[in-house]
């Protein structure tokens, strides 16, 4: 069963904001082509984007509101 992402979330319009620490191209991800902005980021709340891919063992939290 996947864990719930701690730092990634949906914005008010429903778009997914992926934190660098929870992205496949971030510091904790396994992609060989690391992102230039978050490739070394291993801790949460240090950056993120709307085009990242969430790690496969994580799922998004339920949308609030």
N, C-alpha and C. Protein backbone atom coordinates (compact mmCIF):
# COMPACT_ATOMS: atom_id res chain seq x y z
N UNK A 1 0.84 -1.18 0.00
CA UNK A 1 0.00 0.00 0.00
C UNK A 1 0.89 1.24 0.00
N UNK A 2 0.64 2.17 -0.93
CA UNK A 2 1.49 3.37 -1.01
C UNK A 2 1.30 4.30 0.19
N UNK A 3 2.38 4.97 0.53
CA UNK A 3 2.33 5.98 1.59
C UNK A 3 1.76 7.27 1.02
N UNK A 4 1.24 8.10 1.87
CA UNK A 4 0.72 9.41 1.46
C UNK A 4 1.87 10.40 1.40
N UNK A 5 1.95 11.14 0.32
CA UNK A 5 2.98 12.16 0.15
C UNK A 5 2.84 13.22 1.24
N UNK A 6 3.95 13.59 1.83
CA UNK A 6 3.92 14.53 2.95
C UNK A 6 3.96 15.99 2.48
N UNK A 7 4.67 16.27 1.40
CA UNK A 7 4.86 17.65 0.97
C UNK A 7 4.18 17.99 -0.35
N UNK A 8 3.92 17.02 -1.19
CA UNK A 8 3.25 17.26 -2.47
C UNK A 8 1.75 17.38 -2.24
N UNK A 9 1.09 18.19 -3.06
CA UNK A 9 -0.34 18.42 -2.87
C UNK A 9 -0.97 18.98 -4.13
N UNK A 10 -2.27 19.07 -4.12
CA UNK A 10 -3.00 19.72 -5.21
C UNK A 10 -3.26 21.17 -4.83
N UNK A 11 -3.18 22.06 -5.83
CA UNK A 11 -3.50 23.45 -5.55
C UNK A 11 -5.01 23.66 -5.63
N UNK A 12 -5.46 24.89 -5.52
CA UNK A 12 -6.89 25.18 -5.47
C UNK A 12 -7.60 24.86 -6.80
N UNK A 13 -6.84 24.75 -7.89
CA UNK A 13 -7.44 24.41 -9.19
C UNK A 13 -7.31 22.93 -9.52
N UNK A 14 -6.71 22.16 -8.61
CA UNK A 14 -6.60 20.72 -8.82
C UNK A 14 -5.31 20.26 -9.46
N UNK A 15 -4.39 21.18 -9.78
CA UNK A 15 -3.11 20.80 -10.36
C UNK A 15 -2.18 20.26 -9.28
N UNK A 16 -1.37 19.29 -9.64
CA UNK A 16 -0.48 18.62 -8.68
C UNK A 16 0.84 19.38 -8.57
N UNK A 17 1.19 19.79 -7.36
CA UNK A 17 2.48 20.40 -7.05
C UNK A 17 3.33 19.30 -6.42
N UNK A 18 4.41 18.90 -7.09
CA UNK A 18 5.27 17.83 -6.61
C UNK A 18 6.51 18.44 -5.95
N UNK A 19 6.71 18.13 -4.69
CA UNK A 19 7.89 18.60 -3.96
C UNK A 19 9.12 17.87 -4.50
N UNK A 20 10.26 18.55 -4.56
CA UNK A 20 11.49 17.96 -5.10
C UNK A 20 11.91 16.69 -4.36
N UNK A 21 11.67 16.64 -3.07
CA UNK A 21 12.06 15.47 -2.30
C UNK A 21 11.19 14.25 -2.59
N UNK A 22 10.03 14.45 -3.23
CA UNK A 22 9.11 13.36 -3.54
C UNK A 22 8.98 13.13 -5.05
N UNK A 23 9.91 13.67 -5.82
CA UNK A 23 9.87 13.59 -7.28
C UNK A 23 10.85 12.52 -7.78
N UNK A 24 10.52 11.89 -8.89
CA UNK A 24 11.41 10.87 -9.46
C UNK A 24 12.73 11.46 -9.93
N UNK A 25 12.75 12.75 -10.29
CA UNK A 25 13.98 13.40 -10.73
C UNK A 25 14.66 14.19 -9.61
N UNK A 26 14.12 14.13 -8.39
CA UNK A 26 14.70 14.82 -7.25
C UNK A 26 15.78 13.98 -6.58
N UNK A 27 16.25 14.42 -5.44
CA UNK A 27 17.34 13.75 -4.74
C UNK A 27 17.02 12.36 -4.25
N UNK A 28 15.76 12.07 -3.96
CA UNK A 28 15.36 10.75 -3.49
C UNK A 28 14.88 9.84 -4.61
N UNK A 29 14.76 10.37 -5.81
CA UNK A 29 14.25 9.60 -6.94
C UNK A 29 15.33 8.76 -7.61
N UNK A 30 14.90 7.81 -8.40
CA UNK A 30 15.83 6.90 -9.05
C UNK A 30 16.11 7.22 -10.51
N UNK A 31 15.54 8.30 -11.04
CA UNK A 31 15.77 8.66 -12.43
C UNK A 31 17.22 9.08 -12.62
N UNK A 32 17.86 8.58 -13.67
CA UNK A 32 19.27 8.92 -13.90
C UNK A 32 19.44 10.35 -14.40
N UNK A 33 18.39 10.91 -15.00
CA UNK A 33 18.42 12.29 -15.50
C UNK A 33 17.83 13.20 -14.42
N UNK A 34 18.66 13.64 -13.48
CA UNK A 34 18.18 14.47 -12.35
C UNK A 34 17.85 15.88 -12.82
N UNK A 35 16.93 16.50 -12.12
CA UNK A 35 16.53 17.88 -12.39
C UNK A 35 17.63 18.83 -11.92
N UNK A 36 17.86 19.87 -12.68
CA UNK A 36 18.91 20.83 -12.30
C UNK A 36 18.52 21.64 -11.08
N UNK A 37 17.23 21.82 -10.82
CA UNK A 37 16.79 22.60 -9.67
C UNK A 37 16.68 21.77 -8.40
N UNK A 38 16.24 20.52 -8.50
CA UNK A 38 15.98 19.74 -7.30
C UNK A 38 16.71 18.40 -7.24
N UNK A 39 17.71 18.20 -8.08
CA UNK A 39 18.42 16.92 -8.13
C UNK A 39 19.14 16.56 -6.86
N UNK A 40 19.51 17.54 -6.06
CA UNK A 40 20.21 17.28 -4.79
C UNK A 40 19.30 17.44 -3.58
N UNK A 41 18.06 17.81 -3.79
CA UNK A 41 17.14 18.07 -2.69
C UNK A 41 16.58 16.77 -2.14
N UNK A 42 16.89 16.48 -0.88
CA UNK A 42 16.41 15.25 -0.25
C UNK A 42 15.44 15.51 0.90
N UNK A 43 15.30 16.78 1.30
CA UNK A 43 14.40 17.14 2.39
C UNK A 43 13.24 17.96 1.84
N UNK A 44 12.09 17.83 2.47
CA UNK A 44 10.88 18.50 2.00
C UNK A 44 10.88 20.00 2.20
N UNK A 45 9.98 20.65 1.48
CA UNK A 45 9.77 22.10 1.53
C UNK A 45 11.00 22.89 1.10
N UNK A 46 11.77 22.34 0.16
CA UNK A 46 12.93 23.04 -0.37
C UNK A 46 12.76 23.37 -1.85
N UNK A 47 11.56 23.20 -2.34
CA UNK A 47 11.28 23.49 -3.74
C UNK A 47 10.36 22.46 -4.34
N UNK A 48 9.88 22.74 -5.52
CA UNK A 48 8.99 21.83 -6.20
C UNK A 48 8.48 22.46 -7.48
N UNK A 49 7.66 21.69 -8.21
CA UNK A 49 7.13 22.21 -9.47
C UNK A 49 5.82 21.51 -9.81
N UNK A 50 5.19 21.95 -10.89
CA UNK A 50 3.92 21.38 -11.33
C UNK A 50 4.11 20.35 -12.44
N UNK A 51 5.34 20.12 -12.91
CA UNK A 51 5.56 19.16 -13.99
C UNK A 51 6.29 17.91 -13.52
N UNK A 52 6.59 17.82 -12.24
CA UNK A 52 7.31 16.67 -11.69
C UNK A 52 6.43 15.42 -11.63
N UNK A 53 7.09 14.28 -11.44
CA UNK A 53 6.39 13.00 -11.34
C UNK A 53 6.59 12.45 -9.93
N UNK A 54 5.51 12.18 -9.25
CA UNK A 54 5.55 11.68 -7.89
C UNK A 54 6.20 10.30 -7.85
N UNK A 55 6.98 10.04 -6.80
CA UNK A 55 7.62 8.73 -6.65
C UNK A 55 6.55 7.63 -6.70
N UNK A 56 6.87 6.47 -7.28
CA UNK A 56 5.85 5.43 -7.45
C UNK A 56 5.30 4.85 -6.16
N UNK A 57 6.04 4.93 -5.06
CA UNK A 57 5.55 4.38 -3.80
C UNK A 57 4.77 5.39 -2.96
N UNK A 58 4.43 6.55 -3.56
CA UNK A 58 3.65 7.58 -2.87
C UNK A 58 2.34 7.83 -3.59
N UNK A 59 1.35 8.29 -2.84
CA UNK A 59 0.10 8.74 -3.43
C UNK A 59 -0.23 10.12 -2.87
N UNK A 60 -1.02 10.87 -3.59
CA UNK A 60 -1.41 12.21 -3.15
C UNK A 60 -2.41 12.13 -2.01
N UNK A 61 -2.35 13.09 -1.09
CA UNK A 61 -3.36 13.13 -0.02
C UNK A 61 -4.72 13.52 -0.61
N UNK A 62 -5.77 13.25 0.13
CA UNK A 62 -7.11 13.63 -0.31
C UNK A 62 -7.18 15.15 -0.39
N UNK A 63 -7.88 15.63 -1.41
CA UNK A 63 -8.00 17.08 -1.61
C UNK A 63 -8.90 17.66 -0.54
N UNK A 64 -8.42 18.75 0.06
CA UNK A 64 -9.20 19.42 1.10
C UNK A 64 -10.18 20.40 0.48
N UNK A 65 -11.19 20.72 1.22
CA UNK A 65 -12.04 21.78 0.77
C UNK A 65 -13.38 21.39 0.42
